Amino acid sequence: MMSELTAKPKLARLFRMQWEEAQGAYVLLYPEGMVKLNQSAGEILKRCDGERDVQAIIDDIEQTFNATGLERDVLGFIEIATERGWIV
């Protein structure tokens, strides 16, 4: 079984993510509608490209925002996004 930190999440095929100027936020578009993402969710999801593993995503976010200790938050969001079918 693959470790959570070595998984390489990517957006599910039904979803498309884009910056929505009118909303001032990233949004997830899907056939039935749209999900407005908060800044944290947008930053995590835009890195879920199927190339980077979860550890690389965490490292990149921590470096970008000059923060540490974000692993639990990132893993928690990835779990929720997976349950909702946003990422695979």
N, C-alpha and C. Protein backbone atom coordinates (compact mmCIF):
# COMPACT_ATOMS: atom_id res chain seq x y z
N MET A 1 0.84 -1.20 0.00
CA MET A 1 0.00 0.00 0.00
C MET A 1 0.87 1.25 0.00
N MET A 2 0.46 2.24 -0.75
CA MET A 2 1.24 3.47 -0.89
C MET A 2 1.05 4.35 0.34
N SER A 3 2.13 4.92 0.82
CA SER A 3 2.06 5.86 1.93
C SER A 3 1.34 7.13 1.49
N GLU A 4 0.63 7.77 2.43
CA GLU A 4 -0.06 9.03 2.12
C GLU A 4 0.89 10.06 1.52
N LEU A 5 2.11 10.13 2.05
CA LEU A 5 3.04 11.17 1.63
C LEU A 5 3.65 10.90 0.25
N THR A 6 3.54 9.67 -0.23
CA THR A 6 4.09 9.36 -1.55
C THR A 6 3.01 9.30 -2.64
N ALA A 7 1.75 9.44 -2.24
CA ALA A 7 0.66 9.48 -3.22
C ALA A 7 0.83 10.72 -4.09
N LYS A 8 0.39 10.64 -5.33
CA LYS A 8 0.49 11.77 -6.27
C LYS A 8 -0.91 12.18 -6.71
N PRO A 9 -1.59 12.97 -5.87
CA PRO A 9 -2.97 13.33 -6.19
C PRO A 9 -3.08 14.24 -7.40
N LYS A 10 -4.21 14.10 -8.10
CA LYS A 10 -4.51 15.00 -9.22
C LYS A 10 -6.01 15.21 -9.26
N LEU A 11 -6.42 16.28 -9.92
CA LEU A 11 -7.85 16.57 -10.04
C LEU A 11 -8.55 15.42 -10.76
N ALA A 12 -9.73 15.09 -10.28
CA ALA A 12 -10.55 14.10 -10.97
C ALA A 12 -10.97 14.67 -12.32
N ARG A 13 -11.25 13.79 -13.26
CA ARG A 13 -11.53 14.23 -14.64
C ARG A 13 -12.72 15.17 -14.76
N LEU A 14 -13.71 15.03 -13.89
CA LEU A 14 -14.91 15.87 -13.98
C LEU A 14 -14.66 17.32 -13.59
N PHE A 15 -13.54 17.58 -12.94
CA PHE A 15 -13.30 18.91 -12.37
C PHE A 15 -12.25 19.69 -13.13
N ARG A 16 -12.44 21.00 -13.15
CA ARG A 16 -11.45 21.91 -13.71
C ARG A 16 -11.30 23.05 -12.72
N MET A 17 -10.06 23.41 -12.43
CA MET A 17 -9.81 24.47 -11.47
C MET A 17 -9.33 25.71 -12.22
N GLN A 18 -9.83 26.87 -11.81
CA GLN A 18 -9.36 28.11 -12.43
C GLN A 18 -9.51 29.25 -11.45
N TRP A 19 -8.75 30.31 -11.70
CA TRP A 19 -8.85 31.54 -10.92
C TRP A 19 -10.07 32.29 -11.43
N GLU A 20 -10.92 32.70 -10.54
CA GLU A 20 -12.13 33.44 -10.90
C GLU A 20 -11.99 34.85 -10.35
N GLU A 21 -11.67 35.78 -11.25
CA GLU A 21 -11.42 37.17 -10.83
C GLU A 21 -12.59 37.76 -10.07
N ALA A 22 -13.81 37.50 -10.56
CA ALA A 22 -15.00 38.07 -9.92
C ALA A 22 -15.16 37.58 -8.48
N GLN A 23 -14.74 36.35 -8.24
CA GLN A 23 -14.84 35.77 -6.89
C GLN A 23 -13.61 36.12 -6.05
N GLY A 24 -12.52 36.49 -6.72
CA GLY A 24 -11.27 36.73 -6.01
C GLY A 24 -10.72 35.46 -5.40
N ALA A 25 -10.99 34.35 -6.08
CA ALA A 25 -10.61 33.05 -5.51
C ALA A 25 -10.50 32.01 -6.62
N TYR A 26 -9.83 30.89 -6.28
CA TYR A 26 -9.86 29.74 -7.16
C TYR A 26 -11.21 29.06 -7.02
N VAL A 27 -11.69 28.51 -8.10
CA VAL A 27 -12.94 27.75 -8.08
C VAL A 27 -12.71 26.41 -8.77
N LEU A 28 -13.50 25.44 -8.34
CA LEU A 28 -13.53 24.13 -8.99
C LEU A 28 -14.81 24.09 -9.81
N LEU A 29 -14.67 23.90 -11.11
CA LEU A 29 -15.84 23.82 -11.98
C LEU A 29 -16.12 22.36 -12.28
N TYR A 30 -17.40 22.02 -12.31
CA TYR A 30 -17.83 20.67 -12.67
C TYR A 30 -19.18 20.79 -13.35
N PRO A 31 -19.65 19.72 -14.02
CA PRO A 31 -20.86 19.84 -14.83
C PRO A 31 -22.07 20.40 -14.08
N GLU A 32 -22.22 20.08 -12.80
CA GLU A 32 -23.41 20.52 -12.07
C GLU A 32 -23.22 21.87 -11.39
N GLY A 33 -22.01 22.45 -11.43
CA GLY A 33 -21.86 23.72 -10.74
C GLY A 33 -20.42 24.12 -10.49
N MET A 34 -20.23 24.76 -9.33
CA MET A 34 -18.94 25.35 -9.01
C MET A 34 -18.74 25.32 -7.50
N VAL A 35 -17.49 25.12 -7.08
CA VAL A 35 -17.12 25.20 -5.67
C VAL A 35 -16.10 26.33 -5.54
N LYS A 36 -16.41 27.32 -4.71
CA LYS A 36 -15.44 28.39 -4.44
C LYS A 36 -14.50 27.89 -3.35
N LEU A 37 -13.21 27.99 -3.61
CA LEU A 37 -12.20 27.49 -2.68
C LEU A 37 -11.61 28.63 -1.86
N ASN A 38 -11.31 28.34 -0.59
CA ASN A 38 -10.59 29.35 0.18
C ASN A 38 -9.12 29.32 -0.27
N GLN A 39 -8.33 30.26 0.21
CA GLN A 39 -6.95 30.38 -0.26
C GLN A 39 -6.15 29.10 -0.03
N SER A 40 -6.29 28.52 1.16
CA SER A 40 -5.53 27.31 1.48
C SER A 40 -5.89 26.17 0.53
N ALA A 41 -7.18 25.97 0.32
CA ALA A 41 -7.64 24.89 -0.57
C ALA A 41 -7.12 25.12 -1.98
N GLY A 42 -7.19 26.35 -2.45
CA GLY A 42 -6.70 26.67 -3.79
C GLY A 42 -5.21 26.39 -3.93
N GLU A 43 -4.44 26.78 -2.93
CA GLU A 43 -2.99 26.56 -2.98
C GLU A 43 -2.66 25.08 -2.99
N ILE A 44 -3.39 24.29 -2.23
CA ILE A 44 -3.13 22.85 -2.20
C ILE A 44 -3.55 22.21 -3.52
N LEU A 45 -4.79 22.51 -3.95
CA LEU A 45 -5.31 21.86 -5.16
C LEU A 45 -4.52 22.21 -6.41
N LYS A 46 -4.04 23.45 -6.52
CA LYS A 46 -3.32 23.79 -7.75
C LYS A 46 -2.00 23.03 -7.84
N ARG A 47 -1.54 22.48 -6.74
CA ARG A 47 -0.32 21.66 -6.74
C ARG A 47 -0.61 20.17 -6.94
N CYS A 48 -1.87 19.79 -6.93
CA CYS A 48 -2.25 18.38 -7.15
C CYS A 48 -2.29 18.12 -8.65
N ASP A 49 -1.12 17.90 -9.22
CA ASP A 49 -0.98 17.79 -10.67
C ASP A 49 -0.67 16.37 -11.14
N GLY A 50 -0.67 15.42 -10.20
CA GLY A 50 -0.36 14.04 -10.57
C GLY A 50 1.13 13.79 -10.73
N GLU A 51 1.94 14.85 -10.65
CA GLU A 51 3.40 14.73 -10.78
C GLU A 51 4.07 14.75 -9.41
N ARG A 52 3.61 15.69 -8.56
CA ARG A 52 4.20 15.84 -7.23
C ARG A 52 3.52 14.91 -6.24
N ASP A 53 4.33 14.35 -5.33
CA ASP A 53 3.72 13.58 -4.26
C ASP A 53 3.30 14.53 -3.15
N VAL A 54 2.56 14.00 -2.18
CA VAL A 54 2.01 14.83 -1.11
C VAL A 54 3.12 15.53 -0.33
N GLN A 55 4.22 14.84 -0.08
CA GLN A 55 5.33 15.46 0.66
C GLN A 55 5.88 16.66 -0.11
N ALA A 56 6.00 16.54 -1.42
CA ALA A 56 6.50 17.66 -2.24
C ALA A 56 5.51 18.83 -2.20
N ILE A 57 4.21 18.53 -2.19
CA ILE A 57 3.19 19.57 -2.10
C ILE A 57 3.32 20.31 -0.77
N ILE A 58 3.45 19.56 0.31
CA ILE A 58 3.63 20.16 1.64
C ILE A 58 4.88 21.03 1.67
N ASP A 59 5.99 20.49 1.18
CA ASP A 59 7.26 21.23 1.18
C ASP A 59 7.12 22.53 0.39
N ASP A 60 6.48 22.47 -0.78
CA ASP A 60 6.34 23.63 -1.63
C ASP A 60 5.48 24.71 -0.96
N ILE A 61 4.38 24.30 -0.34
CA ILE A 61 3.50 25.26 0.34
C ILE A 61 4.23 25.89 1.52
N GLU A 62 4.93 25.08 2.30
CA GLU A 62 5.67 25.62 3.44
C GLU A 62 6.74 26.61 2.98
N GLN A 63 7.40 26.31 1.88
CA GLN A 63 8.43 27.20 1.36
C GLN A 63 7.80 28.48 0.80
N THR A 64 6.74 28.34 0.03
CA THR A 64 6.07 29.50 -0.57
C THR A 64 5.58 30.48 0.49
N PHE A 65 5.02 29.96 1.57
CA PHE A 65 4.42 30.83 2.59
C PHE A 65 5.29 30.98 3.83
N ASN A 66 6.56 30.54 3.71
CA ASN A 66 7.51 30.68 4.81
C ASN A 66 6.90 30.19 6.12
N ALA A 67 6.37 28.96 6.08
CA ALA A 67 5.69 28.38 7.23
C ALA A 67 6.21 26.97 7.46
N THR A 68 5.95 26.46 8.65
CA THR A 68 6.30 25.07 8.96
C THR A 68 5.11 24.42 9.65
N GLY A 69 5.13 23.10 9.73
CA GLY A 69 4.09 22.38 10.46
C GLY A 69 2.75 22.31 9.76
N LEU A 70 2.75 22.39 8.43
CA LEU A 70 1.47 22.37 7.70
C LEU A 70 1.04 20.97 7.27
N GLU A 71 1.86 19.97 7.58
CA GLU A 71 1.58 18.61 7.09
C GLU A 71 0.18 18.14 7.48
N ARG A 72 -0.21 18.32 8.74
CA ARG A 72 -1.51 17.82 9.19
C ARG A 72 -2.65 18.52 8.44
N ASP A 73 -2.53 19.84 8.25
CA ASP A 73 -3.57 20.58 7.54
C ASP A 73 -3.69 20.13 6.09
N VAL A 74 -2.54 19.97 5.43
CA VAL A 74 -2.55 19.54 4.03
C VAL A 74 -3.12 18.14 3.90
N LEU A 75 -2.68 17.23 4.75
CA LEU A 75 -3.20 15.85 4.70
C LEU A 75 -4.70 15.83 4.97
N GLY A 76 -5.15 16.65 5.91
CA GLY A 76 -6.59 16.72 6.22
C GLY A 76 -7.39 17.20 5.03
N PHE A 77 -6.90 18.24 4.36
CA PHE A 77 -7.61 18.75 3.19
C PHE A 77 -7.62 17.72 2.07
N ILE A 78 -6.49 17.08 1.82
CA ILE A 78 -6.42 16.08 0.75
C ILE A 78 -7.39 14.93 1.02
N GLU A 79 -7.53 14.56 2.29
CA GLU A 79 -8.48 13.50 2.64
C GLU A 79 -9.91 13.93 2.32
N ILE A 80 -10.27 15.15 2.69
CA ILE A 80 -11.61 15.67 2.41
C ILE A 80 -11.84 15.78 0.90
N ALA A 81 -10.86 16.32 0.19
CA ALA A 81 -11.00 16.49 -1.26
C ALA A 81 -11.15 15.13 -1.96
N THR A 82 -10.46 14.12 -1.43
CA THR A 82 -10.58 12.77 -1.99
C THR A 82 -11.98 12.22 -1.72
N GLU A 83 -12.46 12.39 -0.49
CA GLU A 83 -13.81 11.92 -0.15
C GLU A 83 -14.86 12.57 -1.01
N ARG A 84 -14.68 13.84 -1.35
CA ARG A 84 -15.65 14.56 -2.18
C ARG A 84 -15.47 14.27 -3.66
N GLY A 85 -14.45 13.51 -4.01
CA GLY A 85 -14.24 13.13 -5.40
C GLY A 85 -13.54 14.18 -6.22
N TRP A 86 -12.98 15.22 -5.58
CA TRP A 86 -12.29 16.29 -6.31
C TRP A 86 -10.96 15.81 -6.85
N ILE A 87 -10.28 14.98 -6.08
CA ILE A 87 -8.97 14.47 -6.51
C ILE A 87 -8.94 12.95 -6.42
N VAL A 88 -8.07 12.38 -7.21
CA VAL A 88 -7.87 10.93 -7.23
C VAL A 88 -6.41 10.62 -7.04
